[in-house]
C-alpha atoms as a PDB file:
ATOM      1  CA  MET A   1     128.848-197.803  84.732  1.00  0.00           C
ATOM      2  CA  LYS A   2     126.893-194.865  86.282  1.00  0.00           C
ATOM      3  CA  GLY A   3     123.523-194.366  84.857  1.00  0.00           C
ATOM      4  CA  LYS A   4     121.864-191.181  83.684  1.00  0.00           C
ATOM      5  CA  VAL A   5     122.260-188.144  86.005  1.00  0.00           C
ATOM      6  CA  THR A   6     119.015-187.422  87.761  1.00  0.00           C
ATOM      7  CA  VAL A   7     117.215-184.127  88.496  1.00  0.00           C
ATOM      8  CA  GLN A   8     117.568-184.995  92.188  1.00  0.00           C
ATOM      9  CA  GLU A   9     121.268-185.287  91.963  1.00  0.00           C
ATOM     10  CA  ILE A  10     121.597-181.884  90.282  1.00  0.00           C
ATOM     11  CA  ALA A  11     119.375-180.490  92.967  1.00  0.00           C
ATOM     12  CA  ASP A  12     121.479-181.861  95.746  1.00  0.00           C
ATOM     13  CA  PHE A  13     124.657-180.659  94.061  1.00  0.00           C
ATOM     14  CA  VAL A  14     123.399-177.099  93.689  1.00  0.00           C
ATOM     15  CA  GLY A  15     121.351-176.955  96.980  1.00  0.00           C
ATOM     16  CA  VAL A  16     118.057-176.081  95.282  1.00  0.00           C
ATOM     17  CA  SER A  17     114.703-177.805  94.764  1.00  0.00           C
ATOM     18  CA  LYS A  18     113.913-180.388  92.126  1.00  0.00           C
ATOM     19  CA  PHE A  19     111.254-177.992  90.881  1.00  0.00           C
ATOM     20  CA  ALA A  20     113.882-175.307  90.227  1.00  0.00           C
ATOM     21  CA  VAL A  21     116.168-177.813  88.401  1.00  0.00           C
ATOM     22  CA  SER A  22     113.193-179.053  86.258  1.00  0.00           C
ATOM     23  CA  ARG A  23     112.240-175.589  85.340  1.00  0.00           C
ATOM     24  CA  ALA A  24     115.804-174.490  84.558  1.00  0.00           C
ATOM     25  CA  LEU A  25     116.517-177.632  82.353  1.00  0.00           C
ATOM     26  CA  ALA A  26     113.197-177.141  80.541  1.00  0.00           C
ATOM     27  CA  GLY A  27     113.943-173.503  79.864  1.00  0.00           C
ATOM     28  CA  LYS A  28     110.872-172.417  81.607  1.00  0.00           C
ATOM     29  CA  SER A  29     110.228-169.385  83.895  1.00  0.00           C
ATOM     30  CA  GLY A  30     110.286-169.637  87.682  1.00  0.00           C
ATOM     31  CA  VAL A  31     113.917-169.314  88.426  1.00  0.00           C
ATOM     32  CA  SER A  32     116.341-166.297  88.204  1.00  0.00           C
ATOM     33  CA  GLU A  33     118.811-166.109  85.234  1.00  0.00           C
ATOM     34  CA  LYS A  34     121.681-166.483  87.812  1.00  0.00           C
ATOM     35  CA  THR A  35     120.096-169.599  89.482  1.00  0.00           C
ATOM     36  CA  ARG A  36     119.363-171.042  86.029  1.00  0.00           C
ATOM     37  CA  ASP A  37     122.988-170.599  84.824  1.00  0.00           C
ATOM     38  CA  THR A  38     124.235-172.209  88.115  1.00  0.00           C
ATOM     39  CA  ILE A  39     121.943-175.220  87.603  1.00  0.00           C
ATOM     40  CA  LEU A  40     122.989-175.537  83.972  1.00  0.00           C
ATOM     41  CA  GLN A  41     126.632-175.477  84.780  1.00  0.00           C
ATOM     42  CA  ALA A  42     126.184-178.016  87.624  1.00  0.00           C
ATOM     43  CA  ALA A  43     124.203-180.256  85.183  1.00  0.00           C
ATOM     44  CA  ALA A  44     127.086-179.962  82.690  1.00  0.00           C
ATOM     45  CA  GLU A  45     129.738-180.842  85.317  1.00  0.00           C
ATOM     46  CA  LEU A  46     127.783-183.857  86.442  1.00  0.00           C
ATOM     47  CA  GLY A  47     127.364-185.195  82.871  1.00  0.00           C
ATOM     48  CA  TYR A  48     123.704-184.579  82.347  1.00  0.00           C
ATOM     49  CA  PHE A  49     124.101-183.362  78.778  1.00  0.00           C
ATOM     50  CA  LYS A  50     126.581-186.012  77.596  1.00  0.00           C
ATOM     51  CA  ASN A  51     125.661-188.310  74.652  1.00  0.00           C
ATOM     52  CA  ARG A  52     122.549-186.387  73.726  1.00  0.00           C
ATOM     53  CA  PRO A  53     121.603-187.078  70.152  1.00  0.00           C
ATOM     54  CA  LYS A  54     122.750-184.710  67.507  1.00  0.00           C
ATOM     55  CA  ARG A  55     120.906-183.437  64.439  1.00  0.00           C
ATOM     56  CA  VAL A  56     121.468-185.884  61.650  1.00  0.00           C
ATOM     57  CA  THR A  57     120.010-184.220  58.522  1.00  0.00           C
ATOM     58  CA  PRO A  58     122.759-182.273  56.807  1.00  0.00           C
ATOM     59  CA  ALA A  59     122.089-179.489  54.426  1.00  0.00           C
ATOM     60  CA  PRO A  60     123.064-180.262  50.804  1.00  0.00           C
ATOM     61  CA  ALA A  61     126.603-179.422  49.962  1.00  0.00           C
ATOM     62  CA  PRO A  62     127.018-176.599  47.296  1.00  0.00           C
ATOM     63  CA  GLU A  63     129.735-178.752  45.665  1.00  0.00           C
ATOM     64  CA  GLY A  64     127.016-181.116  44.590  1.00  0.00           C
ATOM     65  CA  GLY A  65     125.564-178.518  42.181  1.00  0.00           C
ATOM     66  CA  GLY A  66     122.803-177.252  44.546  1.00  0.00           C
ATOM     67  CA  SER A  67     122.754-174.311  46.952  1.00  0.00           C
ATOM     68  CA  TRP A  68     122.625-174.294  50.675  1.00  0.00           C
ATOM     69  CA  LYS A  69     119.209-174.607  52.090  1.00  0.00           C
ATOM     70  CA  GLY A  70     118.360-172.766  55.236  1.00  0.00           C
ATOM     71  CA  ASN A  71     120.169-169.910  56.854  1.00  0.00           C
ATOM     72  CA  ILE A  72     123.110-169.517  59.244  1.00  0.00           C
ATOM     73  CA  LEU A  73     122.127-167.829  62.504  1.00  0.00           C
ATOM     74  CA  VAL A  74     124.915-165.495  64.007  1.00  0.00           C
ATOM     75  CA  LEU A  75     124.278-164.909  67.637  1.00  0.00           C
ATOM     76  CA  PHE A  76     126.232-161.734  68.753  1.00  0.00           C
ATOM     77  CA  PRO A  77     125.155-160.640  72.228  1.00  0.00           C
ATOM     78  CA  ASN A  78     125.630-156.954  72.856  1.00  0.00           C
ATOM     79  CA  ILE A  79     127.347-157.125  76.308  1.00  0.00           C
ATOM     80  CA  ARG A  80     130.174-155.345  77.942  1.00  0.00           C
ATOM     81  CA  PHE A  81     132.755-154.488  75.254  1.00  0.00           C
ATOM     82  CA  GLN A  82     131.266-157.240  73.057  1.00  0.00           C
ATOM     83  CA  ASN A  83     129.407-155.416  70.216  1.00  0.00           C
ATOM     84  CA  ARG A  84     129.562-154.502  66.474  1.00  0.00           C
ATOM     85  CA  ASP A  85     131.508-151.275  67.316  1.00  0.00           C
ATOM     86  CA  SER A  86     134.348-153.195  69.128  1.00  0.00           C
ATOM     87  CA  LEU A  87     137.704-152.996  67.423  1.00  0.00           C
ATOM     88  CA  TYR A  88     137.944-156.706  68.360  1.00  0.00           C
ATOM     89  CA  TRP A  89     134.586-158.276  67.932  1.00  0.00           C
ATOM     90  CA  GLY A  90     133.478-156.073  65.006  1.00  0.00           C
ATOM     91  CA  PRO A  91     136.170-157.410  62.566  1.00  0.00           C
ATOM     92  CA  ILE A  92     135.250-161.064  63.631  1.00  0.00           C
ATOM     93  CA  PHE A  93     131.647-160.516  62.769  1.00  0.00           C
ATOM     94  CA  ASP A  94     132.798-158.884  59.493  1.00  0.00           C
ATOM     95  CA  GLY A  95     134.678-162.065  58.702  1.00  0.00           C
ATOM     96  CA  VAL A  96     131.636-164.259  59.361  1.00  0.00           C
ATOM     97  CA  SER A  97     129.453-162.012  57.223  1.00  0.00           C
ATOM     98  CA  ALA A  98     132.018-161.778  54.266  1.00  0.00           C
ATOM     99  CA  ARG A  99     132.493-165.568  54.109  1.00  0.00           C
ATOM    100  CA  LEU A 100     128.736-166.302  54.135  1.00  0.00           C
ATOM    101  CA  ASN A 101     128.228-163.742  51.405  1.00  0.00           C
ATOM    102  CA  GLU A 102     131.046-165.286  49.430  1.00  0.00           C
ATOM    103  CA  LYS A 103     129.335-168.752  49.701  1.00  0.00           C
ATOM    104  CA  GLY A 104     126.035-167.183  48.889  1.00  0.00           C
ATOM    105  CA  ILE A 105     124.390-168.260  52.099  1.00  0.00           C
ATOM    106  CA  ASP A 106     121.767-166.149  53.808  1.00  0.00           C
ATOM    107  CA  ILE A 107     122.612-164.843  57.370  1.00  0.00           C
ATOM    108  CA  ILE A 108     120.274-164.054  60.446  1.00  0.00           C
ATOM    109  CA  THR A 109     121.841-161.945  63.023  1.00  0.00           C
ATOM    110  CA  LEU A 110     120.517-161.861  66.648  1.00  0.00           C
ATOM    111  CA  THR A 111     121.925-159.365  69.202  1.00  0.00           C
ATOM    112  CA  GLU A 112     120.820-158.956  72.710  1.00  0.00           C
ATOM    113  CA  PRO A 113     118.506-162.017  72.785  1.00  0.00           C
ATOM    114  CA  SER A 114     116.883-163.246  75.962  1.00  0.00           C
ATOM    115  CA  THR A 115     116.309-166.911  76.773  1.00  0.00           C
ATOM    116  CA  GLU A 116     112.585-166.371  76.513  1.00  0.00           C
ATOM    117  CA  ASP A 117     112.300-164.917  73.020  1.00  0.00           C
ATOM    118  CA  ILE A 118     115.377-166.164  71.098  1.00  0.00           C
ATOM    119  CA  PHE A 119     113.541-168.789  69.175  1.00  0.00           C
ATOM    120  CA  SER A 120     110.156-166.932  69.032  1.00  0.00           C
ATOM    121  CA  LEU A 121     112.002-164.572  66.683  1.00  0.00           C
ATOM    122  CA  ILE A 122     113.056-167.286  64.164  1.00  0.00           C
ATOM    123  CA  ASN A 123     111.860-170.579  62.625  1.00  0.00           C
ATOM    124  CA  PRO A 124     114.337-173.260  63.733  1.00  0.00           C
ATOM    125  CA  ASP A 125     113.588-175.319  60.738  1.00  0.00           C
ATOM    126  CA  ALA A 126     114.938-172.559  58.557  1.00  0.00           C
ATOM    127  CA  VAL A 127     118.317-172.528  60.470  1.00  0.00           C
ATOM    128  CA  SER A 128     120.970-174.978  59.288  1.00  0.00           C
ATOM    129  CA  GLY A 129     123.661-173.797  61.765  1.00  0.00           C
ATOM    130  CA  VAL A 130     124.530-171.421  64.420  1.00  0.00           C
ATOM    131  CA  ILE A 131     127.666-169.359  64.838  1.00  0.00           C
ATOM    132  CA  THR A 132     128.090-167.653  68.240  1.00  0.00           C
ATOM    133  CA  VAL A 133     130.403-164.685  68.536  1.00  0.00           C
ATOM    134  CA  GLY A 134     131.961-164.253  71.993  1.00  0.00           C
ATOM    135  CA  THR A 135     130.437-165.025  75.323  1.00  0.00           C
ATOM    136  CA  VAL A 136     126.847-166.425  75.295  1.00  0.00           C
ATOM    137  CA  SER A 137     124.958-167.233  78.450  1.00  0.00           C
ATOM    138  CA  SER A 138     124.517-170.903  79.423  1.00  0.00           C
ATOM    139  CA  SER A 139     120.711-170.425  79.393  1.00  0.00           C
ATOM    140  CA  ILE A 140     120.659-169.427  75.677  1.00  0.00           C
ATOM    141  CA  LEU A 141     123.157-172.107  74.722  1.00  0.00           C
ATOM    142  CA  THR A 142     120.918-174.741  76.430  1.00  0.00           C
ATOM    143  CA  GLU A 143     117.912-173.473  74.292  1.00  0.00           C
ATOM    144  CA  ILE A 144     120.030-173.780  71.167  1.00  0.00           C
ATOM    145  CA  ASP A 145     121.075-177.394  72.194  1.00  0.00           C
ATOM    146  CA  ARG A 146     117.519-178.413  72.472  1.00  0.00           C
ATOM    147  CA  LEU A 147     117.026-177.929  68.698  1.00  0.00           C
ATOM    148  CA  LYS A 148     119.887-180.036  67.838  1.00  0.00           C
ATOM    149  CA  ILE A 149     121.217-177.456  65.345  1.00  0.00           C
ATOM    150  CA  PRO A 150     125.016-177.576  64.656  1.00  0.00           C
ATOM    151  CA  VAL A 151     126.943-174.872  66.465  1.00  0.00           C
ATOM    152  CA  VAL A 152     130.308-173.345  66.184  1.00  0.00           C
ATOM    153  CA  MET A 153     131.581-170.991  68.938  1.00  0.00           C
ATOM    154  CA  ILE A 154     134.121-168.242  68.317  1.00  0.00           C
ATOM    155  CA  ASP A 155     136.291-167.460  71.325  1.00  0.00           C
ATOM    156  CA  HIS A 156     134.004-169.177  73.814  1.00  0.00           C
ATOM    157  CA  MET A 157     133.197-172.534  75.183  1.00  0.00           C
ATOM    158  CA  ASP A 158     130.608-173.832  77.748  1.00  0.00           C
ATOM    159  CA  PRO A 159     130.168-177.331  79.130  1.00  0.00           C
ATOM    160  CA  VAL A 160     126.356-177.111  78.638  1.00  0.00           C
ATOM    161  CA  LEU A 161     126.869-177.361  74.887  1.00  0.00           C
ATOM    162  CA  LYS A 162     129.743-179.504  73.425  1.00  0.00           C
ATOM    163  CA  CYS A 163     130.408-178.237  69.929  1.00  0.00           C
ATOM    164  CA  ASP A 164     133.121-177.006  67.551  1.00  0.00           C
ATOM    165  CA  THR A 165     135.065-173.915  68.575  1.00  0.00           C
ATOM    166  CA  VAL A 166     137.334-171.375  66.891  1.00  0.00           C
ATOM    167  CA  PHE A 167     140.030-169.791  69.045  1.00  0.00           C
ATOM    168  CA  THR A 168     143.128-167.746  68.835  1.00  0.00           C
ATOM    169  CA  ASP A 169     146.234-169.863  69.678  1.00  0.00           C
ATOM    170  CA  ASN A 170     146.529-168.235  73.144  1.00  0.00           C
ATOM    171  CA  PHE A 171     149.108-170.662  74.572  1.00  0.00           C
ATOM    172  CA  MET A 172     151.648-170.326  71.761  1.00  0.00           C
ATOM    173  CA  SER A 173     151.276-166.553  71.598  1.00  0.00           C
ATOM    174  CA  ILE A 174     151.919-166.048  75.282  1.00  0.00           C
ATOM    175  CA  ASN A 175     154.860-168.386  75.054  1.00  0.00           C
ATOM    176  CA  GLU A 176     156.329-166.365  72.199  1.00  0.00           C
ATOM    177  CA  ILE A 177     155.891-163.146  74.111  1.00  0.00           C
ATOM    178  CA  MET A 178     157.441-164.630  77.256  1.00  0.00           C
ATOM    179  CA  ASN A 179     160.290-166.116  75.247  1.00  0.00           C
ATOM    180  CA  TYR A 180     161.036-162.796  73.902  1.00  0.00           C
ATOM    181  CA  LEU A 181     160.982-161.086  77.262  1.00  0.00           C
ATOM    182  CA  LEU A 182     163.183-163.673  78.735  1.00  0.00           C
ATOM    183  CA  ASN A 183     165.736-163.371  75.929  1.00  0.00           C
ATOM    184  CA  LYS A 184     165.719-159.547  76.483  1.00  0.00           C
ATOM    185  CA  GLY A 185     166.731-160.172  80.141  1.00  0.00           C
ATOM    186  CA  TYR A 186     163.493-159.691  81.982  1.00  0.00           C
ATOM    187  CA  ARG A 187     162.863-161.908  84.972  1.00  0.00           C
ATOM    188  CA  ASP A 188     160.247-160.221  87.122  1.00  0.00           C
ATOM    189  CA  PHE A 189     156.655-160.390  85.951  1.00  0.00           C
ATOM    190  CA  GLN A 190     153.040-159.705  86.889  1.00  0.00           C
ATOM    191  CA  PHE A 191     149.943-160.815  84.999  1.00  0.00           C
ATOM    192  CA  VAL A 192     147.092-158.332  84.640  1.00  0.00           C
ATOM    193  CA  GLY A 193     143.549-159.549  83.760  1.00  0.00           C
ATOM    194  CA  TYR A 194     140.794-161.516  85.423  1.00  0.00           C
ATOM    195  CA  PRO A 195     141.138-165.255  84.218  1.00  0.00           C
ATOM    196  CA  GLY A 196     137.476-165.831  84.641  1.00  0.00           C
ATOM    197  CA  TYR A 197     136.530-162.985  82.270  1.00  0.00           C
ATOM    198  CA  ALA A 198     136.587-165.277  79.176  1.00  0.00           C
ATOM    199  CA  PRO A 199     138.072-168.614  78.085  1.00  0.00           C
ATOM    200  CA  SER A 200     140.778-166.670  76.155  1.00  0.00           C
ATOM    201  CA  PHE A 201     141.840-164.843  79.339  1.00  0.00           C
ATOM    202  CA  ARG A 202     141.937-168.069  81.170  1.00  0.00           C
ATOM    203  CA  GLU A 203     144.143-169.619  78.594  1.00  0.00           C
ATOM    204  CA  ARG A 204     146.621-166.715  78.599  1.00  0.00           C
ATOM    205  CA  TRP A 205     146.836-166.899  82.333  1.00  0.00           C
ATOM    206  CA  THR A 206     147.415-170.705  82.294  1.00  0.00           C
ATOM    207  CA  ALA A 207     150.046-170.331  79.574  1.00  0.00           C
ATOM    208  CA  TYR A 208     151.793-167.642  81.582  1.00  0.00           C
ATOM    209  CA  ARG A 209     151.823-169.651  84.750  1.00  0.00           C
ATOM    210  CA  ALA A 210     153.043-172.760  82.866  1.00  0.00           C
ATOM    211  CA  PHE A 211     155.866-170.797  81.307  1.00  0.00           C
ATOM    212  CA  LEU A 212     157.117-169.449  84.665  1.00  0.00           C
ATOM    213  CA  GLU A 213     156.957-172.977  86.156  1.00  0.00           C
ATOM    214  CA  GLU A 214     158.920-174.423  83.171  1.00  0.00           C
ATOM    215  CA  LYS A 215     161.620-171.822  83.418  1.00  0.00           C
ATOM    216  CA  GLY A 216     161.811-172.084  87.096  1.00  0.00           C
ATOM    217  CA  ILE A 217     160.733-168.437  87.697  1.00  0.00           C
ATOM    218  CA  GLU A 218     159.037-167.565  90.887  1.00  0.00           C
ATOM    219  CA  GLY A 219     155.701-165.775  90.234  1.00  0.00           C
ATOM    220  CA  ASN A 220     154.566-163.872  93.327  1.00  0.00           C
ATOM    221  CA  GLN A 221     151.299-162.918  91.748  1.00  0.00           C
ATOM    222  CA  ALA A 222     149.541-159.742  93.103  1.00  0.00           C
ATOM    223  CA  GLU A 223     145.944-160.970  93.598  1.00  0.00           C
ATOM    224  CA  GLY A 224     144.503-157.499  92.968  1.00  0.00           C
ATOM    225  CA  LEU A 225     145.864-157.544  89.375  1.00  0.00           C
ATOM    226  CA  ILE A 226     143.714-160.681  88.447  1.00  0.00           C
ATOM    227  CA  SER A 227     140.677-159.308  90.229  1.00  0.00           C
ATOM    228  CA  PRO A 228     137.391-158.907  88.253  1.00  0.00           C
ATOM    229  CA  ALA A 229     137.165-155.351  89.510  1.00  0.00           C
ATOM    230  CA  ARG A 230     139.037-152.699  87.536  1.00  0.00           C
ATOM    231  CA  GLU A 231     139.114-150.416  90.607  1.00  0.00           C
ATOM    232  CA  GLU A 232     141.030-153.064  92.448  1.00  0.00           C
ATOM    233  CA  LEU A 233     143.649-153.292  89.665  1.00  0.00           C
ATOM    234  CA  ALA A 234     144.323-149.629  89.765  1.00  0.00           C
ATOM    235  CA  GLN A 235     144.486-149.621  93.615  1.00  0.00           C
ATOM    236  CA  THR A 236     146.828-152.540  93.608  1.00  0.00           C
ATOM    237  CA  ILE A 237     149.231-150.663  91.416  1.00  0.00           C
ATOM    238  CA  MET A 238     148.974-147.557  93.510  1.00  0.00           C
ATOM    239  CA  ASP A 239     149.736-149.384  96.672  1.00  0.00           C
ATOM    240  CA  MET A 240     152.876-151.083  95.278  1.00  0.00           C
ATOM    241  CA  LYS A 241     156.026-149.993  96.846  1.00  0.00           C
ATOM    242  CA  PRO A 242     158.904-149.337  94.476  1.00  0.00           C
ATOM    243  CA  ARG A 243     160.621-152.580  95.226  1.00  0.00           C
ATOM    244  CA  GLU A 244     157.250-154.411  94.645  1.00  0.00           C
ATOM    245  CA  LEU A 245     156.888-153.143  91.024  1.00  0.00           C
ATOM    246  CA  PRO A 246     157.675-155.790  88.466  1.00  0.00           C
ATOM    247  CA  GLU A 247     159.828-155.280  85.413  1.00  0.00           C
ATOM    248  CA  VAL A 248     156.928-156.462  83.187  1.00  0.00           C
ATOM    249  CA  PHE A 249     153.204-156.133  83.471  1.00  0.00           C
ATOM    250  CA  LEU A 250     151.972-158.905  81.055  1.00  0.00           C
ATOM    251  CA  CYS A 251     148.306-158.032  80.319  1.00  0.00           C
ATOM    252  CA  ALA A 252     145.608-160.311  79.103  1.00  0.00           C
ATOM    253  CA  ASN A 253     144.748-157.836  76.304  1.00  0.00           C
ATOM    254  CA  ASP A 254     145.347-154.344  75.223  1.00  0.00           C
ATOM    255  CA  ILE A 255     142.413-152.950  77.170  1.00  0.00           C
ATOM    256  CA  MET A 256     143.930-154.348  80.333  1.00  0.00           C
ATOM    257  CA  ALA A 257     147.270-152.857  79.262  1.00  0.00           C
ATOM    258  CA  SER A 258     145.582-149.460  78.898  1.00  0.00           C
ATOM    259  CA  PHE A 259     144.203-149.685  82.322  1.00  0.00           C
ATOM    260  CA  THR A 260     147.522-150.632  83.660  1.00  0.00           C
ATOM    261  CA  ILE A 261     149.412-147.799  81.960  1.00  0.00           C
ATOM    262  CA  GLU A 262     146.708-145.384  83.213  1.00  0.00           C
ATOM    263  CA  ALA A 263     147.274-146.488  86.761  1.00  0.00           C
ATOM    264  CA  LEU A 264     151.081-146.284  86.472  1.00  0.00           C
ATOM    265  CA  THR A 265     150.847-142.857  84.998  1.00  0.00           C
ATOM    266  CA  ALA A 266     148.680-141.747  87.860  1.00  0.00           C
ATOM    267  CA  LYS A 267     151.339-143.156  90.302  1.00  0.00           C
ATOM    268  CA  GLY A 268     153.960-141.024  88.469  1.00  0.00           C
ATOM    269  CA  ILE A 269     155.716-143.901  86.745  1.00  0.00           C
ATOM    270  CA  LYS A 270     156.548-143.321  83.100  1.00  0.00           C
ATOM    271  CA  VAL A 271     155.924-146.286  80.699  1.00  0.00           C
ATOM    272  CA  PRO A 272     158.403-147.481  79.417  1.00  0.00           C
ATOM    273  CA  GLY A 273     160.752-146.730  82.086  1.00  0.00           C
ATOM    274  CA  ARG A 274     160.868-148.540  85.568  1.00  0.00           C
ATOM    275  CA  CYS A 275     158.253-150.982  84.024  1.00  0.00           C
ATOM    276  CA  VAL A 276     157.339-152.129  80.628  1.00  0.00           C
ATOM    277  CA  VAL A 277     153.838-153.287  79.599  1.00  0.00           C
ATOM    278  CA  THR A 278     152.643-155.942  76.999  1.00  0.00           C
ATOM    279  CA  GLY A 279     149.209-156.483  75.622  1.00  0.00           C
ATOM    280  CA  PHE A 280     147.319-158.812  73.410  1.00  0.00           C
ATOM    281  CA  ASP A 281     145.033-158.140  70.241  1.00  0.00           C
ATOM    282  CA  ASN A 282     146.881-155.083  68.822  1.00  0.00           C
ATOM    283  CA  LEU A 283     143.968-152.741  69.155  1.00  0.00           C
ATOM    284  CA  ASN A 284     145.685-149.483  69.901  1.00  0.00           C
ATOM    285  CA  GLU A 285     148.983-148.478  68.200  1.00  0.00           C
ATOM    286  CA  GLU A 286     149.215-145.449  70.442  1.00  0.00           C
ATOM    287  CA  LEU A 287     149.734-147.393  73.506  1.00  0.00           C
ATOM    288  CA  PRO A 288     153.449-147.505  74.651  1.00  0.00           C
ATOM    289  CA  LEU A 289     153.533-151.420  74.645  1.00  0.00           C
ATOM    290  CA  LEU A 290     156.809-153.365  74.352  1.00  0.00           C
ATOM    291  CA  ALA A 291     154.885-156.177  72.691  1.00  0.00           C
ATOM    292  CA  THR A 292     151.390-157.274  71.646  1.00  0.00           C
ATOM    293  CA  ALA A 293     149.804-160.084  69.613  1.00  0.00           C
ATOM    294  CA  GLU A 294     148.127-159.169  66.317  1.00  0.00           C
ATOM    295  CA  VAL A 295     145.080-161.447  66.149  1.00  0.00           C
ATOM    296  CA  ASN A 296     143.707-162.007  62.610  1.00  0.00           C
ATOM    297  CA  LYS A 297     140.102-161.237  63.588  1.00  0.00           C
ATOM    298  CA  GLU A 298     138.535-161.534  60.252  1.00  0.00           C
ATOM    299  CA  GLN A 299     140.132-165.036  59.853  1.00  0.00           C
ATOM    300  CA  LEU A 300     138.531-166.240  63.060  1.00  0.00           C
ATOM    301  CA  GLY A 301     135.100-165.309  61.601  1.00  0.00           C
ATOM    302  CA  MET A 302     135.888-166.951  58.284  1.00  0.00           C
ATOM    303  CA  ARG A 303     137.140-170.143  59.761  1.00  0.00           C
ATOM    304  CA  ALA A 304     134.026-170.415  61.921  1.00  0.00           C
ATOM    305  CA  VAL A 305     131.902-170.368  58.732  1.00  0.00           C
ATOM    306  CA  ASP A 306     134.075-172.984  57.129  1.00  0.00           C
ATOM    307  CA  GLN A 307     133.637-175.069  60.226  1.00  0.00           C
ATOM    308  CA  ILE A 308     129.923-174.798  60.387  1.00  0.00           C
ATOM    309  CA  LEU A 309     129.509-175.683  56.799  1.00  0.00           C
ATOM    310  CA  TRP A 310     131.668-178.717  57.319  1.00  0.00           C
ATOM    311  CA  ARG A 311     129.843-179.620  60.495  1.00  0.00           C
ATOM    312  CA  ILE A 312     126.434-179.517  58.902  1.00  0.00           C
ATOM    313  CA  GLN A 313     127.638-182.210  56.428  1.00  0.00           C
ATOM    314  CA  ASN A 314     129.471-184.170  59.045  1.00  0.00           C
ATOM    315  CA  PRO A 315     127.296-184.327  62.137  1.00  0.00           C
ATOM    316  CA  HIS A 316     128.599-187.523  63.559  1.00  0.00           C
ATOM    317  CA  HIS A 317     132.353-186.539  63.690  1.00  0.00           C
ATOM    318  CA  ALA A 318     133.982-185.731  66.951  1.00  0.00           C
ATOM    319  CA  ASN A 319     133.941-182.081  68.070  1.00  0.00           C
ATOM    320  CA  GLU A 320     136.849-179.968  66.797  1.00  0.00           C
ATOM    321  CA  ARG A 321     138.772-177.008  68.082  1.00  0.00           C
ATOM    322  CA  LYS A 322     140.425-174.747  65.466  1.00  0.00           C
ATOM    323  CA  MET A 323     143.109-172.409  66.436  1.00  0.00           C
ATOM    324  CA  VAL A 324     144.384-169.334  64.474  1.00  0.00           C
ATOM    325  CA  SER A 325     147.996-168.279  65.191  1.00  0.00           C
ATOM    326  CA  THR A 326     148.872-164.659  65.870  1.00  0.00           C
ATOM    327  CA  GLU A 327     151.829-162.354  64.924  1.00  0.00           C
ATOM    328  CA  ILE A 328     153.851-160.978  67.780  1.00  0.00           C
ATOM    329  CA  ILE A 329     154.365-157.232  67.325  1.00  0.00           C
ATOM    330  CA  VAL A 330     157.517-155.890  69.145  1.00  0.00           C
ATOM    331  CA  HIS A 331     158.218-152.203  69.746  1.00  0.00           C
ATOM    332  CA  GLU A 332     161.892-152.187  70.601  1.00  0.00           C
ATOM    333  CA  GLU A 333     161.827-148.415  71.425  1.00  0.00           C
ATOM    334  CA  ASN A 334     159.422-149.210  74.145  1.00  0.00           C
ATOM    335  CA  GLY A 335     161.739-151.529  76.043  1.00  0.00           C
ATOM    336  CA  MET A 336     164.293-150.603  78.688  1.00  0.00           C
ATOM    337  CA  LYS A 337     166.649-153.551  78.199  1.00  0.00           C
ATOM    338  CA  HIS A 338     168.982-153.879  75.183  1.00  0.00           C
END
C-alpha cells in the first residue's frame, strides 16, 4: 500500500518548489491565491488529505435536556451573483437562519472572508459547526479543515475537505425536463452554461449528456455555449445559421436562460417561436420559458442545519450527501409543439 503523500510529490505534480507547497499547505503567505488553490487541489487529488482525524467531541444534544453549546458559523462569501440579495442564495441563507433560530442556536455569519483573517475574527473553540453557502475557495476550506470542526456545504463540494453536502437533485430534475421535452416531440438540443462554474452546473451538464446518450440522440454541442465567457455565448448564438439553431436551448439556470433569450432577441428570433428555452431555479416568472425547475431554496438551508447538528453528534459516521428534489414548472403556452 502506498504511504503518505509527500510534499515533494505534490511539488513535482504541480511544478512548483517544495517551499511553495509547504507554505500553501500550512496556510502561510508567500504564494499567490491562485497558486495556493492549485497546490491544494493537487494535494487533494493525490490523497494528501485522506484519513485525517476528525473532531471527536460532540456538542450536547438538546434532546438530552440541555442546550447547544457553541455557535454555528455560516460562511457566505460575497462573490459574483452569490450574496444575500440574490433571489437564489438569499432564501437559502434565510432557511439556515430560520432553522437555527427555531433550535435556539446562536449563529455567526462571515461574508467576504480572506484566508488570512477568517479565524482571527472568531474563537474556534466557540464554534461547534460550520455551514458553507455556495462556492468557497479551497484555501479557506483548508483553513477550516485544520480546526477539525464539522462542516456541511450547501451546493458545493471540494476534494480538499471531505464533508457532508446538501444539493438540489440535479440529475433527476434534468431527466424530468428532458423526458417532458422528448414527449412533446423535441429532438434537437443545445446546452447553455459553463459546467465548471459550479458543481450544480456540472451535474446538470452531465445529466443532460447522459440522457442524450441513453436515448440515442446525437448531441452536436456548440462549444461557445458552454464557455465561461458570457460574450462568447452571445456571439455563438449570433453566428448560428438558421439550420444550426436547435429546437431547444436547455440552460443551466434561469440566468443563463435570460442571457440566451437576450441573444436570440438581438438576432431577431422570437422566443418562443423558432426555438424554445428552458431554465432552472424558477427565479423570473417574466421569462418566456417552456420549463424550469422550482428549487425549494429555504429547505436546502434548513436541511443543512439538520445535517450539521446530526454530524456534531455523530462525528465518526461516513460522509453523507443529502438531495432535495425540485418541482418542474411547465408553461405550455411557451411551447411550439403540441
